C-alpha atoms as a PDB file:
ATOM      1  CA  MET A   1     251.913  72.647-115.666  1.00  0.00           C
ATOM      2  CA  THR A   2     248.645  71.109-114.444  1.00  0.00           C
ATOM      3  CA  SER A   3     248.646  68.478-111.696  1.00  0.00           C
ATOM      4  CA  ARG A   4     247.635  65.772-114.148  1.00  0.00           C
ATOM      5  CA  ASN A   5     250.344  66.765-116.630  1.00  0.00           C
ATOM      6  CA  PHE A   6     252.926  66.783-113.851  1.00  0.00           C
ATOM      7  CA  VAL A   7     252.000  63.221-112.864  1.00  0.00           C
ATOM      8  CA  HIS A   8     252.050  62.158-116.501  1.00  0.00           C
ATOM      9  CA  ALA A   9     255.505  63.667-116.997  1.00  0.00           C
ATOM     10  CA  ALA A  10     256.812  61.940-113.872  1.00  0.00           C
ATOM     11  CA  LEU A  11     255.420  58.625-115.019  1.00  0.00           C
ATOM     12  CA  ALA A  12     256.947  59.113-118.457  1.00  0.00           C
ATOM     13  CA  ALA A  13     260.337  59.553-116.810  1.00  0.00           C
ATOM     14  CA  ILE A  14     259.888  56.343-114.848  1.00  0.00           C
ATOM     15  CA  PHE A  15     258.958  54.559-118.059  1.00  0.00           C
ATOM     16  CA  SER A  16     262.009  55.855-119.897  1.00  0.00           C
ATOM     17  CA  ALA A  17     263.714  52.450-119.567  1.00  0.00           C
ATOM     18  CA  MET A  18     260.596  50.604-120.667  1.00  0.00           C
ATOM     19  CA  THR A  19     259.314  49.587-124.060  1.00  0.00           C
ATOM     20  CA  VAL A  20     256.991  51.738-126.115  1.00  0.00           C
ATOM     21  CA  LEU A  21     255.087  50.251-129.036  1.00  0.00           C
ATOM     22  CA  PRO A  22     256.289  48.395-130.964  1.00  0.00           C
ATOM     23  CA  VAL A  23     257.961  46.171-128.335  1.00  0.00           C
ATOM     24  CA  HIS A  24     259.656  43.418-130.321  1.00  0.00           C
ATOM     25  CA  GLY A  25     263.221  44.246-131.300  1.00  0.00           C
ATOM     26  CA  THR A  26     263.761  47.134-128.861  1.00  0.00           C
ATOM     27  CA  VAL A  27     266.469  47.294-126.210  1.00  0.00           C
ATOM     28  CA  ALA A  28     265.423  46.270-122.695  1.00  0.00           C
ATOM     29  CA  SER A  29     266.918  47.707-119.526  1.00  0.00           C
ATOM     30  CA  ASP A  30     268.059  44.520-117.702  1.00  0.00           C
ATOM     31  CA  ALA A  31     270.292  46.673-115.501  1.00  0.00           C
ATOM     32  CA  PRO A  32     272.414  45.021-112.781  1.00  0.00           C
ATOM     33  CA  SER A  33     270.882  44.598-109.357  1.00  0.00           C
ATOM     34  CA  SER A  34     271.863  46.901-106.538  1.00  0.00           C
ATOM     35  CA  ALA A  35     272.431  43.969-104.145  1.00  0.00           C
ATOM     36  CA  SER A  36     274.272  40.668-104.550  1.00  0.00           C
ATOM     37  CA  TRP A  37     271.526  38.852-102.647  1.00  0.00           C
ATOM     38  CA  TRP A  38     268.748  40.121-104.950  1.00  0.00           C
ATOM     39  CA  LEU A  39     269.004  38.291-108.277  1.00  0.00           C
ATOM     40  CA  VAL A  40     265.828  38.907-110.245  1.00  0.00           C
ATOM     41  CA  ARG A  41     266.727  39.904-113.812  1.00  0.00           C
ATOM     42  CA  PHE A  42     267.409  37.425-116.590  1.00  0.00           C
ATOM     43  CA  THR A  43     270.986  38.656-117.115  1.00  0.00           C
ATOM     44  CA  GLN A  44     271.724  37.943-113.436  1.00  0.00           C
ATOM     45  CA  MET A  45     269.788  34.711-113.099  1.00  0.00           C
ATOM     46  CA  GLU A  46     270.729  32.787-116.210  1.00  0.00           C
ATOM     47  CA  PRO A  47     274.510  32.700-115.537  1.00  0.00           C
ATOM     48  CA  ARG A  48     273.901  31.483-111.983  1.00  0.00           C
ATOM     49  CA  ILE A  49     271.401  28.824-113.073  1.00  0.00           C
ATOM     50  CA  LEU A  50     273.759  27.526-115.768  1.00  0.00           C
ATOM     51  CA  GLN A  51     276.605  27.569-113.258  1.00  0.00           C
ATOM     52  CA  TRP A  52     274.559  25.420-110.876  1.00  0.00           C
ATOM     53  CA  GLU A  53     273.765  22.975-113.667  1.00  0.00           C
ATOM     54  CA  ALA A  54     277.442  22.711-114.640  1.00  0.00           C
ATOM     55  CA  LYS A  55     278.639  22.405-111.044  1.00  0.00           C
ATOM     56  CA  SER A  56     276.050  19.890-109.840  1.00  0.00           C
ATOM     57  CA  PRO A  57     274.655  18.004-112.844  1.00  0.00           C
ATOM     58  CA  ASP A  58     273.789  15.087-110.569  1.00  0.00           C
ATOM     59  CA  LEU A  59     271.462  17.301-108.483  1.00  0.00           C
ATOM     60  CA  VAL A  60     270.248  19.986-110.898  1.00  0.00           C
ATOM     61  CA  SER A  61     268.172  19.458-114.030  1.00  0.00           C
ATOM     62  CA  LEU A  62     266.681  22.170-116.211  1.00  0.00           C
ATOM     63  CA  GLU A  63     263.613  22.565-118.367  1.00  0.00           C
ATOM     64  CA  ARG A  64     263.891  25.496-120.774  1.00  0.00           C
ATOM     65  CA  LEU A  65     261.401  27.478-122.815  1.00  0.00           C
ATOM     66  CA  LYS A  66     262.420  30.321-125.136  1.00  0.00           C
ATOM     67  CA  THR A  67     260.229  33.420-125.010  1.00  0.00           C
ATOM     68  CA  TYR A  68     259.140  35.453-128.010  1.00  0.00           C
ATOM     69  CA  GLY A  69     261.464  38.189-126.753  1.00  0.00           C
ATOM     70  CA  GLY A  70     264.438  35.842-126.964  1.00  0.00           C
ATOM     71  CA  ARG A  71     265.014  35.088-123.280  1.00  0.00           C
ATOM     72  CA  THR A  72     264.601  31.721-121.591  1.00  0.00           C
ATOM     73  CA  VAL A  73     262.221  30.735-118.831  1.00  0.00           C
ATOM     74  CA  TYR A  74     263.926  28.133-116.644  1.00  0.00           C
ATOM     75  CA  ALA A  75     262.425  25.474-114.412  1.00  0.00           C
ATOM     76  CA  VAL A  76     265.177  24.310-112.047  1.00  0.00           C
ATOM     77  CA  THR A  77     264.601  20.920-110.430  1.00  0.00           C
ATOM     78  CA  ILE A  78     266.819  19.903-107.514  1.00  0.00           C
ATOM     79  CA  THR A  79     266.896  16.425-105.971  1.00  0.00           C
ATOM     80  CA  ASN A  80     269.094  13.416-105.270  1.00  0.00           C
ATOM     81  CA  PRO A  81     268.602  11.144-108.292  1.00  0.00           C
ATOM     82  CA  LYS A  82     269.960   8.142-106.371  1.00  0.00           C
ATOM     83  CA  VAL A  83     266.754   8.082-104.309  1.00  0.00           C
ATOM     84  CA  SER A  84     263.574   7.027-106.106  1.00  0.00           C
ATOM     85  CA  ASN A  85     261.191   9.898-106.790  1.00  0.00           C
ATOM     86  CA  ASP A  86     258.381   7.662-105.538  1.00  0.00           C
ATOM     87  CA  ARG A  87     259.805   8.114-102.052  1.00  0.00           C
ATOM     88  CA  LYS A  88     259.865  11.928-102.238  1.00  0.00           C
ATOM     89  CA  GLN A  89     257.495  14.802-101.749  1.00  0.00           C
ATOM     90  CA  LYS A  90     257.368  16.838-104.958  1.00  0.00           C
ATOM     91  CA  LEU A  91     256.846  20.590-104.744  1.00  0.00           C
ATOM     92  CA  LEU A  92     256.675  23.278-107.424  1.00  0.00           C
ATOM     93  CA  PHE A  93     257.393  26.919-106.577  1.00  0.00           C
ATOM     94  CA  SER A  94     256.653  29.583-109.193  1.00  0.00           C
ATOM     95  CA  GLN A  95     256.438  33.323-109.863  1.00  0.00           C
ATOM     96  CA  PRO A  96     254.581  34.643-112.947  1.00  0.00           C
ATOM     97  CA  HIS A  97     254.545  38.427-112.466  1.00  0.00           C
ATOM     98  CA  ALA A  98     257.379  40.739-113.509  1.00  0.00           C
ATOM     99  CA  HIS A  99     256.362  43.426-111.005  1.00  0.00           C
ATOM    100  CA  GLU A 100     256.568  41.030-108.012  1.00  0.00           C
ATOM    101  CA  PRO A 101     260.302  40.291-107.687  1.00  0.00           C
ATOM    102  CA  ALA A 102     260.599  39.190-104.036  1.00  0.00           C
ATOM    103  CA  GLY A 103     259.467  35.646-104.804  1.00  0.00           C
ATOM    104  CA  THR A 104     262.134  35.421-107.506  1.00  0.00           C
ATOM    105  CA  ALA A 105     264.825  36.687-105.126  1.00  0.00           C
ATOM    106  CA  ALA A 106     263.738  34.222-102.439  1.00  0.00           C
ATOM    107  CA  MET A 107     263.810  31.246-104.813  1.00  0.00           C
ATOM    108  CA  MET A 108     267.249  32.163-106.136  1.00  0.00           C
ATOM    109  CA  ASP A 109     268.589  32.467-102.583  1.00  0.00           C
ATOM    110  CA  PHE A 110     266.978  29.188-101.493  1.00  0.00           C
ATOM    111  CA  MET A 111     268.438  27.352-104.476  1.00  0.00           C
ATOM    112  CA  SER A 112     271.858  28.786-103.604  1.00  0.00           C
ATOM    113  CA  GLN A 113     271.519  27.392-100.109  1.00  0.00           C
ATOM    114  CA  LEU A 114     270.449  23.978-101.354  1.00  0.00           C
ATOM    115  CA  ILE A 115     273.123  23.682-104.069  1.00  0.00           C
ATOM    116  CA  ASP A 116     276.048  25.746-102.743  1.00  0.00           C
ATOM    117  CA  GLY A 117     275.365  25.500 -99.019  1.00  0.00           C
ATOM    118  CA  LYS A 118     275.200  29.269 -98.557  1.00  0.00           C
ATOM    119  CA  HIS A 119     272.991  32.281 -99.097  1.00  0.00           C
ATOM    120  CA  LEU A 120     273.709  34.547-102.046  1.00  0.00           C
ATOM    121  CA  ASP A 121     275.290  37.050 -99.644  1.00  0.00           C
ATOM    122  CA  GLY A 122     277.744  34.383 -98.460  1.00  0.00           C
ATOM    123  CA  ARG A 123     276.184  33.421 -95.123  1.00  0.00           C
ATOM    124  CA  PRO A 124     276.172  29.647 -94.494  1.00  0.00           C
ATOM    125  CA  THR A 125     272.777  27.956 -94.682  1.00  0.00           C
ATOM    126  CA  ASP A 126     271.130  26.162 -91.796  1.00  0.00           C
ATOM    127  CA  LEU A 127     269.328  23.735 -94.125  1.00  0.00           C
ATOM    128  CA  ASP A 128     269.819  19.999 -93.727  1.00  0.00           C
ATOM    129  CA  ARG A 129     270.724  19.818 -97.392  1.00  0.00           C
ATOM    130  CA  GLN A 130     271.212  16.073 -97.696  1.00  0.00           C
ATOM    131  CA  ALA A 131     267.914  15.290 -96.015  1.00  0.00           C
ATOM    132  CA  LEU A 132     266.086  17.667 -98.340  1.00  0.00           C
ATOM    133  CA  LEU A 133     267.809  16.295-101.425  1.00  0.00           C
ATOM    134  CA  ASP A 134     266.961  12.722-100.384  1.00  0.00           C
ATOM    135  CA  ARG A 135     263.367  13.365 -99.352  1.00  0.00           C
ATOM    136  CA  THR A 136     262.106  15.988-101.787  1.00  0.00           C
ATOM    137  CA  LEU A 137     262.004  16.891-105.450  1.00  0.00           C
ATOM    138  CA  LEU A 138     261.837  20.675-105.702  1.00  0.00           C
ATOM    139  CA  THR A 139     261.183  22.653-108.886  1.00  0.00           C
ATOM    140  CA  PHE A 140     261.565  26.424-109.072  1.00  0.00           C
ATOM    141  CA  ILE A 141     260.210  28.614-111.884  1.00  0.00           C
ATOM    142  CA  ALA A 142     261.722  31.718-110.372  1.00  0.00           C
ATOM    143  CA  ASP A 143     260.792  34.128-113.173  1.00  0.00           C
ATOM    144  CA  GLY A 144     257.886  33.227-115.429  1.00  0.00           C
ATOM    145  CA  ASN A 145     258.122  36.458-117.436  1.00  0.00           C
ATOM    146  CA  PRO A 146     261.772  37.494-117.935  1.00  0.00           C
ATOM    147  CA  ASP A 147     260.810  39.750-120.869  1.00  0.00           C
ATOM    148  CA  GLY A 148     258.516  41.769-118.623  1.00  0.00           C
ATOM    149  CA  ARG A 149     261.094  41.885-115.828  1.00  0.00           C
ATOM    150  CA  ALA A 150     263.699  43.203-118.274  1.00  0.00           C
ATOM    151  CA  ARG A 151     261.447  46.235-118.871  1.00  0.00           C
ATOM    152  CA  ALA A 152     261.080  46.992-115.155  1.00  0.00           C
ATOM    153  CA  PRO A 153     262.547  50.401-114.313  1.00  0.00           C
ATOM    154  CA  GLN A 154     263.528  49.189-110.816  1.00  0.00           C
ATOM    155  CA  ASP A 155     264.969  46.005-109.341  1.00  0.00           C
ATOM    156  CA  TRP A 156     262.612  46.160-106.368  1.00  0.00           C
ATOM    157  CA  TRP A 157     259.693  48.223-105.131  1.00  0.00           C
ATOM    158  CA  ASP A 158     260.066  49.772-101.689  1.00  0.00           C
ATOM    159  CA  GLY A 159     257.545  52.611-101.841  1.00  0.00           C
ATOM    160  CA  SER A 160     260.157  55.341-102.218  1.00  0.00           C
ATOM    161  CA  GLN A 161     259.820  55.977-105.972  1.00  0.00           C
ATOM    162  CA  LEU A 162     256.199  55.624-107.051  1.00  0.00           C
ATOM    163  CA  PRO A 163     252.798  56.044-105.419  1.00  0.00           C
ATOM    164  CA  ASN A 164     250.708  52.960-106.013  1.00  0.00           C
ATOM    165  CA  GLU A 165     248.375  54.703-108.466  1.00  0.00           C
ATOM    166  CA  ASN A 166     251.369  55.093-110.779  1.00  0.00           C
ATOM    167  CA  PHE A 167     252.854  51.719-109.880  1.00  0.00           C
ATOM    168  CA  PHE A 168     249.666  50.145-111.269  1.00  0.00           C
ATOM    169  CA  LYS A 169     250.449  51.786-114.593  1.00  0.00           C
ATOM    170  CA  VAL A 170     253.922  50.256-114.510  1.00  0.00           C
ATOM    171  CA  MET A 171     252.214  46.908-113.960  1.00  0.00           C
ATOM    172  CA  PHE A 172     249.526  47.049-116.618  1.00  0.00           C
ATOM    173  CA  GLY A 173     250.347  50.053-118.778  1.00  0.00           C
ATOM    174  CA  GLU A 174     248.900  53.434-119.560  1.00  0.00           C
ATOM    175  CA  THR A 175     246.408  54.477-122.201  1.00  0.00           C
ATOM    176  CA  LYS A 176     246.998  57.491-124.424  1.00  0.00           C
ATOM    177  CA  ASP A 177     244.660  59.569-122.280  1.00  0.00           C
ATOM    178  CA  GLY A 178     246.626  58.802-119.112  1.00  0.00           C
ATOM    179  CA  GLN A 179     244.428  56.080-117.652  1.00  0.00           C
ATOM    180  CA  ARG A 180     245.607  52.715-116.371  1.00  0.00           C
ATOM    181  CA  PHE A 181     245.364  50.105-119.106  1.00  0.00           C
ATOM    182  CA  GLN A 182     242.892  47.281-118.558  1.00  0.00           C
ATOM    183  CA  ARG A 183     243.722  43.959-116.942  1.00  0.00           C
ATOM    184  CA  VAL A 184     242.844  41.107-119.298  1.00  0.00           C
ATOM    185  CA  ASP A 185     244.172  37.627-119.986  1.00  0.00           C
ATOM    186  CA  ARG A 186     245.110  38.366-123.607  1.00  0.00           C
ATOM    187  CA  TRP A 187     245.019  41.387-125.895  1.00  0.00           C
ATOM    188  CA  SER A 188     246.250  42.468-129.316  1.00  0.00           C
ATOM    189  CA  THR A 189     247.810  45.625-130.690  1.00  0.00           C
ATOM    190  CA  HIS A 190     245.326  45.248-133.549  1.00  0.00           C
ATOM    191  CA  ASP A 191     242.670  46.251-131.007  1.00  0.00           C
ATOM    192  CA  TYR A 192     244.568  48.410-128.477  1.00  0.00           C
ATOM    193  CA  GLN A 193     247.551  50.772-128.703  1.00  0.00           C
ATOM    194  CA  PRO A 194     248.493  51.768-125.149  1.00  0.00           C
ATOM    195  CA  ALA A 195     251.015  54.523-124.648  1.00  0.00           C
ATOM    196  CA  PHE A 196     253.006  52.198-122.375  1.00  0.00           C
ATOM    197  CA  ILE A 197     252.812  48.420-122.155  1.00  0.00           C
ATOM    198  CA  GLY A 198     252.817  47.231-118.570  1.00  0.00           C
ATOM    199  CA  ILE A 199     255.553  44.893-117.413  1.00  0.00           C
ATOM    200  CA  ALA A 200     252.972  42.352-116.214  1.00  0.00           C
ATOM    201  CA  TYR A 201     252.269  41.393-119.812  1.00  0.00           C
ATOM    202  CA  GLU A 202     254.329  38.969-121.913  1.00  0.00           C
ATOM    203  CA  GLN A 203     254.462  39.359-125.680  1.00  0.00           C
ATOM    204  CA  ILE A 204     253.770  35.968-127.329  1.00  0.00           C
ATOM    205  CA  ASN A 205     253.764  36.898-131.041  1.00  0.00           C
ATOM    206  CA  ASP A 206     253.994  39.956-133.294  1.00  0.00           C
ATOM    207  CA  HIS A 207     250.843  41.559-131.918  1.00  0.00           C
ATOM    208  CA  GLU A 208     249.545  39.660-128.850  1.00  0.00           C
ATOM    209  CA  TYR A 209     250.262  39.997-125.131  1.00  0.00           C
ATOM    210  CA  VAL A 210     249.146  37.875-122.192  1.00  0.00           C
ATOM    211  CA  GLU A 211     249.118  38.049-118.422  1.00  0.00           C
ATOM    212  CA  PRO A 212     251.164  34.931-117.621  1.00  0.00           C
ATOM    213  CA  ASN A 213     249.083  33.371-114.838  1.00  0.00           C
ATOM    214  CA  ARG A 214     245.806  33.999-116.648  1.00  0.00           C
ATOM    215  CA  CYS A 215     246.570  32.514-120.072  1.00  0.00           C
ATOM    216  CA  THR A 216     247.777  29.038-120.957  1.00  0.00           C
ATOM    217  CA  GLU A 217     249.612  30.448-124.001  1.00  0.00           C
ATOM    218  CA  SER A 218     252.121  32.173-121.719  1.00  0.00           C
ATOM    219  CA  SER A 219     255.631  30.808-121.309  1.00  0.00           C
ATOM    220  CA  PHE A 220     254.887  30.448-117.608  1.00  0.00           C
ATOM    221  CA  PHE A 221     251.938  28.125-118.066  1.00  0.00           C
ATOM    222  CA  LYS A 222     253.562  26.111-120.829  1.00  0.00           C
ATOM    223  CA  LEU A 223     256.466  25.346-118.515  1.00  0.00           C
ATOM    224  CA  VAL A 224     254.237  24.693-115.492  1.00  0.00           C
ATOM    225  CA  ASN A 225     252.226  22.177-117.494  1.00  0.00           C
ATOM    226  CA  ARG A 226     255.306  20.512-118.995  1.00  0.00           C
ATOM    227  CA  CYS A 227     256.927  20.054-115.592  1.00  0.00           C
ATOM    228  CA  SER A 228     253.667  18.939-113.994  1.00  0.00           C
ATOM    229  CA  THR A 229     253.312  16.181-116.565  1.00  0.00           C
ATOM    230  CA  LYS A 230     256.917  15.106-116.001  1.00  0.00           C
ATOM    231  CA  TYR A 231     256.990  15.112-112.209  1.00  0.00           C
ATOM    232  CA  GLY A 232     253.412  14.954-110.888  1.00  0.00           C
ATOM    233  CA  TYR A 233     253.696  17.459-108.036  1.00  0.00           C
ATOM    234  CA  GLY A 234     251.798  17.072-104.809  1.00  0.00           C
ATOM    235  CA  TYR A 235     252.218  20.756-103.891  1.00  0.00           C
ATOM    236  CA  HIS A 236     252.331  23.996-105.854  1.00  0.00           C
ATOM    237  CA  ILE A 237     253.103  27.317-104.173  1.00  0.00           C
ATOM    238  CA  ASP A 238     252.787  30.471-106.285  1.00  0.00           C
ATOM    239  CA  LEU A 239     254.734  33.385-104.771  1.00  0.00           C
ATOM    240  CA  HIS A 240     252.990  36.728-105.278  1.00  0.00           C
ATOM    241  CA  GLN A 241     253.040  40.282-103.967  1.00  0.00           C
ATOM    242  CA  THR A 242     250.436  42.990-103.499  1.00  0.00           C
ATOM    243  CA  GLU A 243     250.507  46.453-101.991  1.00  0.00           C
ATOM    244  CA  PHE A 244     248.211  46.250 -98.915  1.00  0.00           C
ATOM    245  CA  GLU A 245     247.961  50.012 -99.381  1.00  0.00           C
ATOM    246  CA  LYS A 246     245.019  50.599 -97.063  1.00  0.00           C
ATOM    247  CA  SER A 247     245.528  47.564 -94.869  1.00  0.00           C
ATOM    248  CA  LYS A 248     247.321  46.973 -91.590  1.00  0.00           C
ATOM    249  CA  TYR A 249     248.551  43.625 -92.921  1.00  0.00           C
ATOM    250  CA  ASN A 250     251.728  42.974 -94.869  1.00  0.00           C
ATOM    251  CA  ALA A 251     251.110  39.395 -95.997  1.00  0.00           C
ATOM    252  CA  MET A 252     248.311  36.923 -96.601  1.00  0.00           C
ATOM    253  CA  MET A 253     247.605  33.463 -97.951  1.00  0.00           C
ATOM    254  CA  ILE A 254     245.177  32.725-100.772  1.00  0.00           C
ATOM    255  CA  ILE A 255     243.484  29.402-101.419  1.00  0.00           C
ATOM    256  CA  PRO A 256     241.927  28.471-104.788  1.00  0.00           C
ATOM    257  CA  CYS A 257     238.752  30.115-106.039  1.00  0.00           C
ATOM    258  CA  LEU A 258     237.386  26.566-106.539  1.00  0.00           C
ATOM    259  CA  GLN A 259     238.146  25.552-102.952  1.00  0.00           C
ATOM    260  CA  LYS A 260     234.591  24.460-102.135  1.00  0.00           C
ATOM    261  CA  GLU A 261     234.455  22.281-105.256  1.00  0.00           C
ATOM    262  CA  LEU A 262     237.711  20.403-104.621  1.00  0.00           C
ATOM    263  CA  PRO A 263     238.165  16.919-103.147  1.00  0.00           C
ATOM    264  CA  GLN A 264     238.177  17.025 -99.360  1.00  0.00           C
ATOM    265  CA  THR A 265     241.784  15.857 -99.058  1.00  0.00           C
ATOM    266  CA  ILE A 266     242.983  18.726-101.246  1.00  0.00           C
ATOM    267  CA  ARG A 267     240.789  21.254 -99.450  1.00  0.00           C
ATOM    268  CA  ASP A 268     242.241  20.114 -96.137  1.00  0.00           C
ATOM    269  CA  GLY A 269     245.777  20.251 -97.553  1.00  0.00           C
ATOM    270  CA  ASN A 270     245.283  23.796 -98.849  1.00  0.00           C
ATOM    271  CA  GLN A 271     243.976  24.960 -95.495  1.00  0.00           C
ATOM    272  CA  ARG A 272     246.700  23.207 -93.493  1.00  0.00           C
ATOM    273  CA  LEU A 273     249.513  24.627 -95.630  1.00  0.00           C
ATOM    274  CA  ALA A 274     248.099  28.165 -95.647  1.00  0.00           C
ATOM    275  CA  GLU A 275     247.643  28.128 -91.870  1.00  0.00           C
ATOM    276  CA  ALA A 276     251.209  26.910 -91.363  1.00  0.00           C
ATOM    277  CA  ILE A 277     252.664  29.724 -93.488  1.00  0.00           C
ATOM    278  CA  VAL A 278     250.589  32.346 -91.677  1.00  0.00           C
ATOM    279  CA  ALA A 279     251.863  30.951 -88.354  1.00  0.00           C
ATOM    280  CA  ALA A 280     255.466  31.098 -89.611  1.00  0.00           C
ATOM    281  CA  TRP A 281     255.021  34.719 -90.644  1.00  0.00           C
ATOM    282  CA  LYS A 282     253.589  35.624 -87.240  1.00  0.00           C
ATOM    283  CA  LYS A 283     256.553  33.966 -85.553  1.00  0.00           C
ATOM    284  CA  MET A 284     258.831  36.232 -87.621  1.00  0.00           C
ATOM    285  CA  GLY A 285     257.014  39.333 -86.376  1.00  0.00           C
ATOM    286  CA  ALA A 286     255.075  39.978 -89.577  1.00  0.00           C
ATOM    287  CA  ASN A 287     251.418  40.969 -89.557  1.00  0.00           C
ATOM    288  CA  PRO A 288     249.628  38.558 -91.901  1.00  0.00           C
ATOM    289  CA  ASN A 289     245.906  38.581 -92.517  1.00  0.00           C
ATOM    290  CA  PRO A 290     244.502  35.796 -90.304  1.00  0.00           C
ATOM    291  CA  LYS A 291     241.712  35.062 -92.789  1.00  0.00           C
ATOM    292  CA  ILE A 292     242.484  32.329 -95.289  1.00  0.00           C
ATOM    293  CA  GLU A 293     240.131  32.436 -98.231  1.00  0.00           C
ATOM    294  CA  PRO A 294     239.978  32.831-102.023  1.00  0.00           C
ATOM    295  CA  LEU A 295     240.375  36.310-103.469  1.00  0.00           C
ATOM    296  CA  GLY A 296     237.108  38.076-104.198  1.00  0.00           C
ATOM    297  CA  TYR A 297     237.571  38.462-107.940  1.00  0.00           C
ATOM    298  CA  GLY A 298     234.746  39.327-110.316  1.00  0.00           C
ATOM    299  CA  GLU A 299     233.396  36.802-112.790  1.00  0.00           C
ATOM    300  CA  GLU A 300     235.752  37.791-115.609  1.00  0.00           C
ATOM    301  CA  GLN A 301     238.899  37.188-113.525  1.00  0.00           C
ATOM    302  CA  LEU A 302     237.431  34.002-112.033  1.00  0.00           C
ATOM    303  CA  ARG A 303     236.840  32.693-115.536  1.00  0.00           C
ATOM    304  CA  TYR A 304     240.545  33.069-116.313  1.00  0.00           C
ATOM    305  CA  PHE A 305     241.492  31.137-113.189  1.00  0.00           C
ATOM    306  CA  ARG A 306     239.006  28.349-113.781  1.00  0.00           C
ATOM    307  CA  ARG A 307     240.266  27.884-117.324  1.00  0.00           C
ATOM    308  CA  CYS A 308     243.984  27.995-116.494  1.00  0.00           C
ATOM    309  CA  TRP A 309     244.179  26.602-112.980  1.00  0.00           C
ATOM    310  CA  GLY A 310     241.182  24.266-112.683  1.00  0.00           C
ATOM    311  CA  GLU A 311     243.081  21.070-113.447  1.00  0.00           C
ATOM    312  CA  ILE A 312     245.956  22.095-111.176  1.00  0.00           C
ATOM    313  CA  TYR A 313     243.589  22.888-108.315  1.00  0.00           C
ATOM    314  CA  ARG A 314     242.010  19.443-108.594  1.00  0.00           C
ATOM    315  CA  SER A 315     245.307  17.538-108.781  1.00  0.00           C
ATOM    316  CA  ARG A 316     247.427  18.914-105.917  1.00  0.00           C
ATOM    317  CA  VAL A 317     247.627  21.158-102.880  1.00  0.00           C
ATOM    318  CA  GLN A 318     247.899  24.693-104.268  1.00  0.00           C
ATOM    319  CA  VAL A 319     248.170  28.002-102.422  1.00  0.00           C
ATOM    320  CA  SER A 320     249.466  31.484-103.203  1.00  0.00           C
ATOM    321  CA  THR A 321     251.386  33.897-101.016  1.00  0.00           C
ATOM    322  CA  GLU A 322     250.868  37.634-101.088  1.00  0.00           C
ATOM    323  CA  VAL A 323     253.695  39.674 -99.549  1.00  0.00           C
ATOM    324  CA  GLN A 324     253.596  43.451 -99.368  1.00  0.00           C
ATOM    325  CA  ASN A 325     255.086  45.284-102.336  1.00  0.00           C
ATOM    326  CA  ASN A 326     255.954  48.972-102.921  1.00  0.00           C
ATOM    327  CA  ASN A 327     255.569  50.056 -99.299  1.00  0.00           C
ATOM    328  CA  PRO A 328     258.249  51.256 -96.829  1.00  0.00           C
ATOM    329  CA  ARG A 329     256.619  49.127 -94.123  1.00  0.00           C
ATOM    330  CA  THR A 330     258.113  46.034 -95.812  1.00  0.00           C
ATOM    331  CA  PRO A 331     261.581  46.713 -97.283  1.00  0.00           C
ATOM    332  CA  PRO A 332     262.972  44.435-100.012  1.00  0.00           C
ATOM    333  CA  ARG A 333     265.064  42.292 -97.657  1.00  0.00           C
ATOM    334  CA  ARG A 334     261.965  41.675 -95.547  1.00  0.00           C
ATOM    335  CA  GLN A 335     259.892  40.900 -98.635  1.00  0.00           C
ATOM    336  CA  MET A 336     262.419  38.223 -99.562  1.00  0.00           C
ATOM    337  CA  GLU A 337     262.550  36.791 -96.039  1.00  0.00           C
ATOM    338  CA  LEU A 338     258.780  36.388 -95.921  1.00  0.00           C
ATOM    339  CA  GLN A 339     258.751  34.575 -99.245  1.00  0.00           C
ATOM    340  CA  GLU A 340     261.587  32.287 -98.185  1.00  0.00           C
ATOM    341  CA  ALA A 341     259.716  31.490 -94.979  1.00  0.00           C
ATOM    342  CA  ALA A 342     256.796  30.349 -97.143  1.00  0.00           C
ATOM    343  CA  ILE A 343     259.127  28.102 -99.169  1.00  0.00           C
ATOM    344  CA  ARG A 344     260.621  26.518 -96.064  1.00  0.00           C
ATOM    345  CA  THR A 345     257.259  26.059 -94.375  1.00  0.00           C
ATOM    346  CA  ALA A 346     255.737  24.428 -97.440  1.00  0.00           C
ATOM    347  CA  ILE A 347     258.554  21.879 -97.509  1.00  0.00           C
ATOM    348  CA  GLU A 348     258.197  21.210 -93.794  1.00  0.00           C
ATOM    349  CA  VAL A 349     254.451  20.659 -94.124  1.00  0.00           C
ATOM    350  CA  ALA A 350     254.919  18.355 -97.112  1.00  0.00           C
ATOM    351  CA  LEU A 351     257.468  16.255 -95.251  1.00  0.00           C
ATOM    352  CA  GLN A 352     254.995  15.690 -92.439  1.00  0.00           C
ATOM    353  CA  VAL A 353     252.882  13.686 -94.895  1.00  0.00           C
ATOM    354  CA  ALA A 354     254.189  10.389 -96.252  1.00  0.00           C
ATOM    355  CA  PRO A 355     254.542  10.449-100.086  1.00  0.00           C
END
């Protein structure tokens, strides 16, 4: 067997739990997580979210959006309704990518602390829950692409199963000649027939797929926009992961690609929040990139962001985390801890500013 064929065969085995064309109507993996504190799949998350709503209807409210694949994207908003929202800082936390589960795990654990008073593993929280409920309105879109996550062959990525060159094919798919499928905002099976469809993409109709944070037709963006209209957030933190494969860093903060064009108050808010999260990571012993700047995307990718995120960038403080994925230097528990630190720090920074 040639080297290339060996790699292809190994990748095919990894993809055995994933969907091959056609996607709609096939059985997804949605296997149970290997840890009680790591809830990232729809079948694990939905029962817990509905349990929270039933247990604490005075604190928890849900926005729901059904995906083409039949699952539901949830936006969970937690606050004390007896205190006027005008007196609160309003923050939105979100995660659009199925291959970046640590942000999902961190949000689920943080919500457990806020609602149940304990971590998902049973440890008591140190949060001042009542103060947070009285002073903030917090919305969590913990999984913006549950259909993609259901096709993931692993619950987390720790670097022990796949080299990153093959992990990228899990993300975006593989062509019939063994190449990584392209990264685009939207594509159709009328035009492309990849051998494997990457878990980053969400199917939105019989033949079209989108990358959730690059297309407003995604379930993720529809719910972000609905909740933004309803609540008018002052802060939006998108929780991402990347591999840092050839970097000494294991985390970094990203500010909007339109940073220089934004109102000065928002530019200052973006910078202040990003710096605070980097400082929190350093205090934890992580090694974040000290530079805070927009990602250096090419014009095609920048066009997607301008179209989808431009209005958001101009209306609120918005930053994105990047925590190391698929690397033994940052195990899953650590990935989750770094994302939770970003959540906590964002709330702390927001509360330093009067609403």
